[in-house]
């Protein structure tokens, strides 16, 4: 039961988001969504001015991933996470590169940050999994709207159907997106990334020793996935180049991912919050199952 009577519930167990949001393949799609977000000048300025993505990229990434997992698998904690995020964004304000004032909770900007998830998940699925059916696409969009309500996005600020979404999406691409300073940094091939500071001690030590060699290779792989898993119309609107040779490489990479990930054990395939929620859902189903006669 929710802590507040009118709190929105997260998407139901067994839905499209329930299956994909905790899958490790989700990690591959996040850079594309983030880059589309910060291609909006207001969002990019907010991240440029207020985010720790330069000084603490690994911590920021971990916190963002945990937050996303809570929206889907958090149960009664999902709405609390939504309130925490809105509180966090209240002080994020300033002036963008065009001299226009911005505030992170301006409905237009806040909704765009959330909206990017749908086209990226939909597009990336054709490489990383089985392409969605039309019914699954509609269910995914309905569930993404539900997540938006958890984040405090009003229905009036988001298109309520797929048919309404695409004209809205195209309008933002045509009128707002650009290659901002933050976009350039996210797709740089040799950025000043600090050594990862998460994981067991042996792994941190290994990364520290190998980071001068590994960093540029990681950056090139991140750029490859960022641009490759971004819908082509968004890629074009931002001004990011993508070649036929890169497309062939992405398709080969996708075939490997599709073959390997589905056969992994659950402890390797799903992230921790998702694994715990999935186990709890199975236990709940077992308790509700009637005894055989």
Protein backbone atom coordinates (compact mmCIF):
# COMPACT_ATOMS: atom_id res chain seq x y z
CA UNK A 1 0.00 0.00 0.00
CA UNK A 2 1.33 3.43 -0.90
CA UNK A 3 2.49 5.81 1.82
CA UNK A 4 0.37 8.57 0.32
CA UNK A 5 -3.17 7.76 -0.70
CA UNK A 6 -2.96 9.28 -4.17
CA UNK A 7 0.55 8.13 -5.04
CA UNK A 8 0.74 6.64 -8.56
CA UNK A 9 1.73 2.98 -8.70
CA UNK A 10 4.67 1.74 -10.78
CA UNK A 11 3.95 -0.37 -13.87
CA UNK A 12 2.58 -3.79 -13.07
CA UNK A 13 4.76 -6.88 -12.73
CA UNK A 14 4.95 -8.86 -15.95
CA UNK A 15 4.63 -5.84 -18.25
CA UNK A 16 7.03 -4.67 -20.94
CA UNK A 17 9.05 -2.43 -18.63
CA UNK A 18 9.14 -5.12 -15.96
CA UNK A 19 10.91 -7.38 -18.45
CA UNK A 20 13.37 -4.84 -19.88
CA UNK A 21 14.14 -2.15 -17.29
CA UNK A 22 16.27 -4.42 -15.11
CA UNK A 23 17.90 -6.37 -17.95
CA UNK A 24 21.60 -5.58 -18.37
CA UNK A 25 20.87 -4.60 -21.98
CA UNK A 26 19.22 -1.50 -20.54
CA UNK A 27 22.72 -0.24 -19.67
CA UNK A 28 23.58 -0.11 -23.36
CA UNK A 29 20.66 2.19 -24.18
CA UNK A 30 21.11 4.81 -21.47
CA UNK A 31 23.89 6.86 -23.14
CA UNK A 32 21.70 7.44 -26.21
CA UNK A 33 18.76 8.64 -24.10
CA UNK A 34 20.99 10.88 -21.98
CA UNK A 35 22.56 12.43 -25.07
CA UNK A 36 19.15 13.18 -26.56
CA UNK A 37 18.17 14.81 -23.27
CA UNK A 38 21.17 17.13 -23.08
CA UNK A 39 20.84 18.02 -26.77
CA UNK A 40 18.01 20.26 -25.61
CA UNK A 41 19.78 23.55 -24.75
CA UNK A 42 17.92 24.03 -21.46
CA UNK A 43 18.60 20.48 -20.27
CA UNK A 44 22.18 20.61 -21.48
CA UNK A 45 22.77 23.86 -19.61
CA UNK A 46 21.32 22.38 -16.42
CA UNK A 47 23.63 19.38 -16.65
CA UNK A 48 26.58 21.58 -17.62
CA UNK A 49 26.03 23.94 -14.68
CA UNK A 50 24.86 21.59 -11.93
CA UNK A 51 25.71 17.94 -12.63
CA UNK A 52 28.68 15.97 -11.29
CA UNK A 53 29.00 14.05 -14.55
CA UNK A 54 32.55 15.35 -15.08
CA UNK A 55 33.96 14.89 -11.58
CA UNK A 56 31.95 11.85 -10.48
CA UNK A 57 30.63 10.14 -13.64
CA UNK A 58 30.55 6.65 -12.12
CA UNK A 59 28.71 7.76 -8.98
CA UNK A 60 26.25 9.80 -11.03
CA UNK A 61 25.65 6.86 -13.34
CA UNK A 62 25.08 4.50 -10.42
CA UNK A 63 22.61 6.89 -8.77
CA UNK A 64 20.72 7.44 -12.03
CA UNK A 65 20.49 3.70 -12.67
CA UNK A 66 19.27 3.02 -9.13
CA UNK A 67 16.64 5.73 -9.51
CA UNK A 68 15.38 4.29 -12.80
CA UNK A 69 15.15 0.83 -11.27
CA UNK A 70 13.07 2.17 -8.40
CA UNK A 71 10.55 3.76 -10.80
CA UNK A 72 9.72 0.29 -12.14
CA UNK A 73 10.57 -2.16 -9.36
CA UNK A 74 10.37 0.02 -6.26
CA UNK A 75 6.77 -0.67 -5.25
CA UNK A 76 5.71 1.88 -2.63
CA UNK A 77 9.21 3.41 -2.78
CA UNK A 78 8.73 4.44 -6.42
CA UNK A 79 6.62 7.50 -5.63
CA UNK A 80 9.01 8.51 -2.85
CA UNK A 81 11.87 8.39 -5.33
CA UNK A 82 9.85 10.59 -7.67
CA UNK A 83 9.36 13.17 -4.90
CA UNK A 84 13.07 13.05 -4.08
CA UNK A 85 13.97 13.79 -7.68
CA UNK A 86 11.60 16.72 -7.93
CA UNK A 87 13.00 18.15 -4.72
CA UNK A 88 16.52 17.71 -6.07
CA UNK A 89 15.66 19.58 -9.27
CA UNK A 90 14.01 22.56 -7.58
CA UNK A 91 17.29 24.46 -7.30
CA UNK A 92 18.52 23.69 -10.83
CA UNK A 93 18.13 26.94 -12.74
CA UNK A 94 20.25 29.31 -14.77
CA UNK A 95 20.82 30.60 -18.31
CA UNK A 96 21.45 28.44 -21.37
CA UNK A 97 23.97 29.03 -24.16
CA UNK A 98 21.46 31.25 -26.00
CA UNK A 99 20.93 33.51 -22.99
CA UNK A 100 17.51 32.06 -22.15
CA UNK A 101 16.53 31.37 -18.57
CA UNK A 102 15.81 27.76 -17.64
CA UNK A 103 14.51 25.82 -14.66
CA UNK A 104 14.78 22.03 -14.50
CA UNK A 105 11.14 21.60 -13.48
CA UNK A 106 9.72 23.68 -16.32
CA UNK A 107 7.17 21.19 -17.68
CA UNK A 108 8.47 21.41 -21.26
CA UNK A 109 12.02 20.50 -20.22
CA UNK A 110 11.17 18.02 -17.50
CA UNK A 111 8.83 16.14 -19.82
CA UNK A 112 11.42 15.98 -22.62
CA UNK A 113 13.96 14.35 -20.30
CA UNK A 114 11.46 11.62 -19.56
CA UNK A 115 10.10 11.36 -23.12
CA UNK A 116 13.47 10.38 -24.62
CA UNK A 117 13.31 6.94 -23.01
CA UNK A 118 10.45 5.72 -25.20
CA UNK A 119 11.96 6.26 -28.68
CA UNK A 120 15.37 5.00 -27.55
CA UNK A 121 14.03 1.81 -25.93
CA UNK A 122 11.81 1.19 -28.95
CA UNK A 123 14.61 1.71 -31.47
CA UNK A 124 17.33 -0.18 -29.58
CA UNK A 125 15.06 -3.21 -29.16
CA UNK A 126 15.44 -4.11 -32.83
CA UNK A 127 19.19 -4.59 -32.26
CA UNK A 128 19.33 -5.95 -28.70
CA UNK A 129 16.19 -8.10 -28.54
CA UNK A 130 13.10 -9.05 -30.48
CA UNK A 131 11.44 -6.03 -32.14
CA UNK A 132 8.27 -5.01 -30.36
CA UNK A 133 4.88 -5.82 -31.79
CA UNK A 134 2.48 -2.91 -32.17
CA UNK A 135 0.66 -4.04 -29.01
CA UNK A 136 3.93 -4.11 -27.06
CA UNK A 137 4.87 -0.64 -28.31
CA UNK A 138 1.55 0.70 -27.08
CA UNK A 139 1.93 -1.05 -23.75
CA UNK A 140 5.47 0.28 -23.38
CA UNK A 141 4.24 3.82 -24.02
CA UNK A 142 1.38 3.47 -21.53
CA UNK A 143 3.81 2.16 -18.91
CA UNK A 144 6.27 4.98 -19.65
CA UNK A 145 3.46 7.47 -19.07
CA UNK A 146 2.82 5.77 -15.72
CA UNK A 147 6.48 6.18 -14.82
CA UNK A 148 6.14 9.85 -15.76
CA UNK A 149 3.33 10.23 -13.24
CA UNK A 150 5.63 8.78 -10.58
CA UNK A 151 8.12 11.51 -11.49
CA UNK A 152 5.44 14.16 -11.12
CA UNK A 153 4.82 14.79 -14.82
CA UNK A 154 1.20 15.82 -15.37
CA UNK A 155 -0.78 14.15 -18.13
CA UNK A 156 -1.34 17.53 -19.73
CA UNK A 157 2.42 17.88 -20.27
CA UNK A 158 2.94 14.56 -22.09
CA UNK A 159 1.21 13.23 -25.20
CA UNK A 160 -1.21 10.57 -24.02
CA UNK A 161 -1.11 8.30 -27.07
CA UNK A 162 1.53 7.13 -29.54
CA UNK A 163 -0.32 9.00 -32.28
CA UNK A 164 0.12 12.21 -30.29
CA UNK A 165 3.67 11.43 -29.29
CA UNK A 166 5.35 11.37 -32.70
CA UNK A 167 4.30 14.90 -33.82
CA UNK A 168 5.43 16.20 -30.41
CA UNK A 169 8.73 14.34 -30.74
CA UNK A 170 9.32 15.60 -34.27
CA UNK A 171 8.61 19.18 -33.21
CA UNK A 172 11.29 19.00 -30.52
CA UNK A 173 13.76 17.50 -33.01
CA UNK A 174 13.02 20.21 -35.58
CA UNK A 175 12.99 23.21 -33.28
CA UNK A 176 15.10 22.54 -30.20
CA UNK A 177 17.84 19.94 -30.41
CA UNK A 178 21.44 20.85 -31.16
CA UNK A 179 24.97 19.62 -30.51
CA UNK A 180 25.43 21.24 -27.11
CA UNK A 181 28.66 21.38 -25.13
CA UNK A 182 27.54 18.39 -23.08
CA UNK A 183 26.64 16.37 -26.18
CA UNK A 184 30.15 16.99 -27.54
CA UNK A 185 31.66 15.74 -24.29
CA UNK A 186 29.48 12.63 -24.19
CA UNK A 187 30.52 11.55 -27.68
CA UNK A 188 34.18 12.58 -27.36
CA UNK A 189 36.62 9.81 -28.22
CA UNK A 190 39.20 10.68 -25.55
CA UNK A 191 37.45 12.47 -22.68
CA UNK A 192 39.11 13.07 -19.28
CA UNK A 193 37.23 10.21 -17.60
CA UNK A 194 38.46 9.37 -14.09
CA UNK A 195 39.26 5.79 -13.18
CA UNK A 196 36.10 3.83 -12.17
CA UNK A 197 35.81 3.71 -8.39
CA UNK A 198 33.02 1.13 -8.03
CA UNK A 199 33.22 -2.61 -7.56
CA UNK A 200 35.46 -4.96 -5.57
CA UNK A 201 38.95 -3.88 -4.60
CA UNK A 202 40.71 -6.22 -7.04
CA UNK A 203 38.70 -4.80 -9.93
CA UNK A 204 39.39 -1.19 -8.94
CA UNK A 205 43.10 -1.97 -8.75
CA UNK A 206 43.07 -3.65 -12.14
CA UNK A 207 41.23 -0.71 -13.69
CA UNK A 208 43.63 1.77 -12.14
CA UNK A 209 46.57 -0.01 -13.71
CA UNK A 210 44.97 -0.47 -17.13
CA UNK A 211 42.99 2.79 -17.38
CA UNK A 212 45.46 4.73 -19.59
CA UNK A 213 45.06 1.96 -22.20
CA UNK A 214 41.38 1.23 -21.53
CA UNK A 215 39.98 4.76 -21.29
CA UNK A 216 40.14 5.78 -24.99
CA UNK A 217 38.80 2.37 -26.04
CA UNK A 218 35.91 2.63 -23.59
CA UNK A 219 35.18 6.16 -24.83
CA UNK A 220 35.08 5.00 -28.46
CA UNK A 221 32.75 2.12 -27.56
CA UNK A 222 30.48 4.48 -25.62
CA UNK A 223 30.35 6.85 -28.59
CA UNK A 224 29.56 3.92 -30.90
CA UNK A 225 26.61 2.79 -28.76
CA UNK A 226 25.44 6.33 -28.02
CA UNK A 227 25.06 7.26 -31.67
CA UNK A 228 24.17 3.81 -32.94
CA UNK A 229 21.27 3.16 -30.55
CA UNK A 230 19.86 6.66 -31.01
CA UNK A 231 16.93 6.87 -33.46
CA UNK A 232 18.25 8.12 -36.82
CA UNK A 233 15.96 11.17 -36.88
CA UNK A 234 17.32 12.31 -33.49
CA UNK A 235 20.87 11.55 -34.61
CA UNK A 236 20.34 13.74 -37.67
CA UNK A 237 18.70 16.55 -35.70
CA UNK A 238 21.68 16.74 -33.33
CA UNK A 239 24.25 16.48 -36.12
CA UNK A 240 25.89 13.16 -35.24
CA UNK A 241 27.43 11.18 -38.09
CA UNK A 242 26.79 7.48 -38.61
CA UNK A 243 28.19 5.42 -41.47
CA UNK A 244 27.06 2.24 -43.21
CA UNK A 245 30.13 0.46 -41.85
CA UNK A 246 29.19 1.44 -38.31
CA UNK A 247 25.66 0.22 -38.91
CA UNK A 248 26.98 -3.18 -39.98
CA UNK A 249 29.16 -3.37 -36.86
CA UNK A 250 26.18 -2.50 -34.66
CA UNK A 251 24.09 -5.25 -36.25
CA UNK A 252 26.85 -7.79 -35.65
CA UNK A 253 27.19 -6.62 -32.05
CA UNK A 254 23.42 -6.89 -31.62
CA UNK A 255 23.39 -10.47 -32.88
CA UNK A 256 25.92 -11.42 -30.22
CA UNK A 257 23.95 -9.65 -27.49
CA UNK A 258 20.69 -11.33 -28.57
CA UNK A 259 22.36 -14.73 -28.50
CA UNK A 260 24.18 -14.38 -25.18
CA UNK A 261 22.06 -12.33 -22.78
CA UNK A 262 18.81 -14.37 -22.85
CA UNK A 263 20.64 -17.54 -21.80
CA UNK A 264 22.47 -15.94 -18.86
CA UNK A 265 21.35 -16.93 -15.35
CA UNK A 266 19.10 -14.38 -13.69
CA UNK A 267 21.83 -13.23 -11.28
CA UNK A 268 23.92 -12.13 -14.28
CA UNK A 269 21.15 -10.94 -16.58
CA UNK A 270 19.20 -8.68 -14.21
CA UNK A 271 20.42 -5.85 -12.01
CA UNK A 272 20.10 -6.22 -8.21
CA UNK A 273 16.92 -4.19 -7.59
CA UNK A 274 15.20 -5.98 -10.47
CA UNK A 275 16.33 -9.40 -9.24
CA UNK A 276 14.92 -8.79 -5.77
CA UNK A 277 11.62 -7.51 -7.18
CA UNK A 278 11.30 -10.45 -9.53
CA UNK A 279 11.93 -12.94 -6.71
CA UNK A 280 9.35 -11.19 -4.53
CA UNK A 281 6.81 -11.26 -7.35
CA UNK A 282 7.34 -14.98 -7.86
CA UNK A 283 6.90 -15.66 -4.15
CA UNK A 284 3.71 -13.62 -4.16
CA UNK A 285 2.39 -15.56 -7.14
CA UNK A 286 3.20 -18.85 -5.43
CA UNK A 287 1.35 -17.81 -2.27
CA UNK A 288 -1.71 -16.81 -4.28
CA UNK A 289 -1.75 -20.04 -6.32
CA UNK A 290 -4.56 -22.33 -5.09
CA UNK A 291 -3.66 -25.66 -3.62
CA UNK A 292 -4.22 -28.62 -5.98
CA UNK A 293 -7.46 -30.47 -5.33
